[in-house]
């Protein structure tokens, strides 16, 4: 009987030791995941600030280009001269590294609303890239065109691009001001 009692006591001590080790391991993993999550959030916030600043600069520049084009619709200025007068055509460099971090690592701490907005940002940046490519595809063969029709088409392509850039800029600003990233 004493042997069985001693055996059960040792078994209980070992079981408690294993449970404590598992508890400590879970705590350590949870802490490391939380630290990674927080660093990822900081990366996303910094990336958004940089993207928003770059996008605001480009947006202002492109609005000035649109004004230049619209002011010269009926004169004999060529498409390339209009672009040169406005200081060239600018394009924002939008990075989505933060979203890619979340997609690759499946961070479960991120709420649906935040993930949805990050996906919306990525989708809009892809749309902006497509619209910029369409604008460039139009500009190259029409560089020396002086017709009002060509300038109107340039204005339409530019307006479409500006609309998407303004929408993305608004999302960046509202995301930052609402502090939509959770602070758990």
Protein backbone atom coordinates (compact mmCIF):
# COMPACT_ATOMS: atom_id res chain seq x y z
CA UNK A 1 0.00 0.00 0.00
CA UNK A 2 2.83 2.38 0.89
CA UNK A 3 4.45 1.53 -2.40
CA UNK A 4 1.29 2.43 -4.32
CA UNK A 5 0.84 5.62 -2.32
CA UNK A 6 4.44 6.64 -2.95
CA UNK A 7 4.04 5.80 -6.64
CA UNK A 8 0.87 7.91 -6.90
CA UNK A 9 2.58 10.84 -5.15
CA UNK A 10 5.48 10.70 -7.60
CA UNK A 11 3.05 10.43 -10.50
CA UNK A 12 1.15 13.46 -9.19
CA UNK A 13 4.39 15.46 -8.85
CA UNK A 14 5.47 14.53 -12.39
CA UNK A 15 1.99 15.35 -13.76
CA UNK A 16 1.98 18.72 -12.01
CA UNK A 17 5.49 19.38 -13.34
CA UNK A 18 4.41 18.55 -16.89
CA UNK A 19 1.32 20.74 -16.56
CA UNK A 20 3.43 23.64 -15.27
CA UNK A 21 5.89 23.16 -18.16
CA UNK A 22 3.00 23.17 -20.65
CA UNK A 23 1.52 26.26 -19.03
CA UNK A 24 4.85 28.10 -19.20
CA UNK A 25 5.38 27.02 -22.81
CA UNK A 26 1.90 28.24 -23.79
CA UNK A 27 2.52 31.53 -22.00
CA UNK A 28 5.85 31.96 -23.82
CA UNK A 29 4.32 31.18 -27.22
CA UNK A 30 1.42 33.53 -26.53
CA UNK A 31 3.83 36.29 -25.49
CA UNK A 32 5.95 35.81 -28.63
CA UNK A 33 2.85 35.83 -30.85
CA UNK A 34 1.66 39.02 -29.16
CA UNK A 35 5.05 40.69 -29.68
CA UNK A 36 5.03 39.70 -33.36
CA UNK A 37 1.48 41.00 -33.69
CA UNK A 38 2.40 44.35 -32.12
CA UNK A 39 5.48 44.74 -34.33
CA UNK A 40 3.36 43.91 -37.35
CA UNK A 41 0.82 46.56 -36.38
CA UNK A 42 3.57 49.15 -36.05
CA UNK A 43 4.86 48.15 -39.50
CA UNK A 44 1.37 48.51 -40.98
CA UNK A 45 0.86 51.92 -39.37
CA UNK A 46 4.22 53.22 -40.60
CA UNK A 47 3.58 51.83 -44.06
CA UNK A 48 0.18 53.51 -44.19
CA UNK A 49 1.64 56.85 -43.14
CA UNK A 50 4.30 56.64 -45.85
CA UNK A 51 1.80 55.49 -48.48
CA UNK A 52 -0.62 58.26 -47.54
CA UNK A 53 2.07 60.96 -47.69
CA UNK A 54 3.30 59.73 -51.08
CA UNK A 55 -0.23 59.40 -52.39
CA UNK A 56 -1.19 62.92 -51.22
CA UNK A 57 1.81 64.39 -53.03
CA UNK A 58 1.03 62.51 -56.25
CA UNK A 59 -2.68 63.33 -55.99
CA UNK A 60 -1.99 67.07 -55.71
CA UNK A 61 0.41 66.88 -58.64
CA UNK A 62 -2.06 64.99 -60.81
CA UNK A 63 -4.88 67.41 -59.98
CA UNK A 64 -2.61 70.22 -61.19
CA UNK A 65 -1.95 68.22 -64.37
CA UNK A 66 -5.69 67.74 -64.87
CA UNK A 67 -6.23 71.50 -64.48
CA UNK A 68 -3.49 72.14 -67.04
CA UNK A 69 -5.06 69.71 -69.51
CA UNK A 70 -8.53 71.19 -69.05
CA UNK A 71 -7.23 74.74 -69.49
CA UNK A 72 -5.67 73.81 -72.83
CA UNK A 73 -8.37 71.61 -74.36
CA UNK A 74 -8.96 73.84 -77.38
CA UNK A 75 -5.50 75.25 -78.09
CA UNK A 76 -2.70 73.66 -80.11
CA UNK A 77 -0.62 72.41 -77.17
CA UNK A 78 0.40 68.75 -77.52
CA UNK A 79 -0.19 66.09 -74.89
CA UNK A 80 3.54 65.90 -74.12
CA UNK A 81 3.78 69.69 -73.74
CA UNK A 82 0.88 69.64 -71.28
CA UNK A 83 2.53 66.94 -69.23
CA UNK A 84 5.83 68.84 -69.26
CA UNK A 85 4.14 72.10 -68.21
CA UNK A 86 2.64 70.34 -65.22
CA UNK A 87 6.01 68.92 -64.19
CA UNK A 88 5.57 65.43 -65.61
CA UNK A 89 3.39 62.52 -64.67
CA UNK A 90 3.84 61.14 -61.16
CA UNK A 91 2.92 57.75 -59.77
CA UNK A 92 2.64 56.76 -56.11
CA UNK A 93 4.63 53.80 -54.85
CA UNK A 94 2.14 52.00 -52.66
CA UNK A 95 3.43 49.16 -50.52
CA UNK A 96 1.23 46.48 -48.98
CA UNK A 97 3.83 44.62 -46.94
CA UNK A 98 1.71 44.80 -43.79
CA UNK A 99 -1.19 43.02 -45.43
CA UNK A 100 1.15 40.41 -46.83
CA UNK A 101 2.48 39.77 -43.31
CA UNK A 102 -1.04 39.10 -42.11
CA UNK A 103 -1.89 36.92 -45.08
CA UNK A 104 1.25 34.79 -44.72
CA UNK A 105 1.13 34.39 -40.96
CA UNK A 106 -2.64 34.17 -40.47
CA UNK A 107 -2.64 36.43 -37.45
CA UNK A 108 -5.87 35.63 -35.65
CA UNK A 109 -5.75 38.68 -33.37
CA UNK A 110 -6.68 40.97 -36.25
CA UNK A 111 -10.37 41.72 -36.30
CA UNK A 112 -12.45 41.29 -39.43
CA UNK A 113 -13.06 45.04 -39.92
CA UNK A 114 -9.33 45.81 -39.91
CA UNK A 115 -8.50 42.93 -42.22
CA UNK A 116 -11.31 43.99 -44.55
CA UNK A 117 -9.97 47.54 -44.74
CA UNK A 118 -6.44 46.31 -45.40
CA UNK A 119 -7.78 44.14 -48.22
CA UNK A 120 -9.69 47.14 -49.59
CA UNK A 121 -6.46 49.17 -49.58
CA UNK A 122 -4.61 46.43 -51.44
CA UNK A 123 -7.42 46.10 -53.97
CA UNK A 124 -7.51 49.85 -54.59
CA UNK A 125 -3.75 50.03 -55.00
CA UNK A 126 -4.02 47.32 -57.66
CA UNK A 127 -6.78 49.28 -59.37
CA UNK A 128 -4.60 52.40 -59.31
CA UNK A 129 -1.77 50.45 -60.93
CA UNK A 130 -4.14 49.27 -63.67
CA UNK A 131 -5.48 52.78 -64.27
CA UNK A 132 -1.94 54.18 -64.42
CA UNK A 133 -1.03 51.53 -66.98
CA UNK A 134 -4.08 52.44 -69.08
CA UNK A 135 -3.13 56.11 -68.87
CA UNK A 136 0.41 55.34 -69.98
CA UNK A 137 -0.90 53.12 -72.79
CA UNK A 138 -2.91 56.11 -73.97
CA UNK A 139 -0.13 58.69 -73.60
CA UNK A 140 2.61 56.88 -75.54
CA UNK A 141 0.86 56.73 -78.94
CA UNK A 142 -0.71 60.16 -78.41
CA UNK A 143 2.34 62.04 -77.17
CA UNK A 144 2.39 64.53 -80.04
CA UNK A 145 -1.38 64.79 -80.50
CA UNK A 146 -2.82 68.29 -80.35
CA UNK A 147 -6.50 67.52 -80.88
CA UNK A 148 -9.08 68.43 -78.29
CA UNK A 149 -10.39 64.84 -78.45
CA UNK A 150 -7.01 63.48 -77.36
CA UNK A 151 -6.82 66.00 -74.55
CA UNK A 152 -10.36 65.12 -73.45
CA UNK A 153 -9.44 61.43 -73.38
CA UNK A 154 -6.32 62.28 -71.39
CA UNK A 155 -8.55 64.22 -69.02
CA UNK A 156 -10.90 61.23 -68.65
CA UNK A 157 -8.07 58.76 -67.97
CA UNK A 158 -6.49 61.17 -65.51
CA UNK A 159 -9.82 61.84 -63.75
CA UNK A 160 -10.41 58.10 -63.34
CA UNK A 161 -6.96 57.67 -61.84
CA UNK A 162 -7.40 60.66 -59.52
CA UNK A 163 -10.76 59.30 -58.33
CA UNK A 164 -9.21 56.01 -57.21
CA UNK A 165 -6.19 57.75 -55.66
CA UNK A 166 -8.48 60.11 -53.74
CA UNK A 167 -10.55 57.17 -52.52
CA UNK A 168 -7.46 55.31 -51.30
CA UNK A 169 -6.11 58.50 -49.71
CA UNK A 170 -9.42 58.94 -47.87
CA UNK A 171 -9.29 55.35 -46.61
CA UNK A 172 -5.73 55.85 -45.36
CA UNK A 173 -6.69 59.05 -43.55
CA UNK A 174 -9.84 57.62 -41.97
CA UNK A 175 -8.01 54.44 -40.97
CA UNK A 176 -5.30 56.46 -39.24
CA UNK A 177 -7.65 58.92 -37.52
CA UNK A 178 -10.04 56.23 -36.31
CA UNK A 179 -7.09 54.24 -34.96
CA UNK A 180 -8.83 51.20 -36.29
CA UNK A 181 -5.92 48.93 -35.45
CA UNK A 182 -6.78 47.21 -32.17
CA UNK A 183 -4.65 47.88 -29.10
CA UNK A 184 -5.85 44.83 -27.14
